Amino acid sequence: MMLSTNQIALYRKLNNEYIEKAKVRFEQLKLSYLTNDEEEIKEIEISDEALNSYNINEFDSMWSPYDNNLKLEQKLVIDYPSVLFGEDGITCENNVIGLAVHIYSKTSSFQKTVEIASFKKQEERLEIDFDYNFEASTIRGVVNLDFFFYLKEVNETLPYMANNKGMTLSYEDLNPIELVVDGIGSSFPISEFEDKEGPLWKIEKNWISPDEDMLDASNISIAFNIKHPLFAEIKKETRRINSSYMNHIIVQAMAMIIQEVIIIEEYSIEEEEDLISGTILSAVSYWVKTFNIDLSDIFSIQNSLMKNIENLNMEEEN
C-alpha cells in the first residue's frame, strides 16, 4: 500500500517509510450477504484490480440493498509492529496504538466511528480482523469507510509525538473504501423461481397502490429462473456480455414499471414533495429525473431510458 497524501503533520504519523519498514498492509476486501431465503451465505467475488471503490452490482447483480444485508470483512497485517514504537517510531515504547474506522454516508444519512482493536509493542507478526454487517434497507447511494490509527493509551510522551489520547497516528488515506450500493441493478429487488420450461426472467407485480407500496420483493421484483440454462452465465458476471445483458434486463424491467405506473395507472410524479420515500412511485420519479426519461409514450420511455443509461455507462468507463 502507498499513501498519496501531501499533508504536513505536526507530529509523527504513519507515512510510507513506516509502512514499508513495518510491512503494514490491508488484505483484499471480502464482501458477502445472505440470500433472500437466508439459507445461504453468498460471497461477492471482487476482482483484484478493484482498488478503493466498489460498485457492488458490477460484481454481483443479484445483490440488492433493499432485500439483502452486506457483510464486510477486512484484515490488517503488520509484519513488524515493533517498528511503530520507540524513539524512532510513531509513538513511545509503552503506549498503545488503536485501530478504528469511520463509517459514513451522506446519502444514507449516518456516520459512526467503530473501534476495532488495539496493540502494544510486540515482535511477532500482527493480524487484526474487522467484520461489519449492514442490515438490509439501511444503506443507499455511497458508503465510505476510512480506517485510521490513533493513540489509544498514553503512558509516556516525547515532544515530536502525539501526546494526547485519541490523537490520530495515520493520514486520511490509510485505507479508504467506497461502496457504491445504488448501481442500476441495485434499483431492483431480485427474486428467484424454478421452471424448467419457463423464461429466463419475468416481472412479478403484486403492488396495489404504487404511491403507498414499498419497492421491495413483496410488491415488485425481477424473478430469475434458476432452472434456465442461461441463469448460471448471468450470475457469473465473469464476462462483459453478462453484465451488459443483466443491465439490459433491468432497463426493460424499469421501462415496464414506468409504463404501468405513469401511462396505465396514470399516477403523477409532478408533486415531488408529496411522494413517500421508498415507495414504487418515488422510485419511478427518481428514475425519470435521473435518466431524463421521455414519458410521451411507451416507445419513448424505452428508447430514452436505454439511450441515457448507455451514455451514463460510457461516461463512467471513460
Foldseek 3Di string as FASTA:
>chain_A
DADDDPDDDQFAFDHPVLCVVQVKDKDDKWKWKAPLVSPDIGTQDDDPVDAAEDARCLRFLQDALQRIKMKIKMKIKTAAQLCQEPPNHQFHQFFKKWKKKWKDDPVLPDIDIGTFGMDHHDGHIDMGMDMDMGGRPRDAAKMKMWMFMFGQGADDGDPRHDHDGGHTRYDRVPRMHMYGRDDLSNLANEAEDEDLPDDQWDKDADDDDQQPAFRYPVGIHIYGHPNYPCNVVLRRSPDPVSSVVSSVVSLVVLLVLLCCVCPVVNDDCPPVVSGDPRGNSNSNNVLCVVQVQDVPHSVSRSVSSVVSVVVVVVVVVD
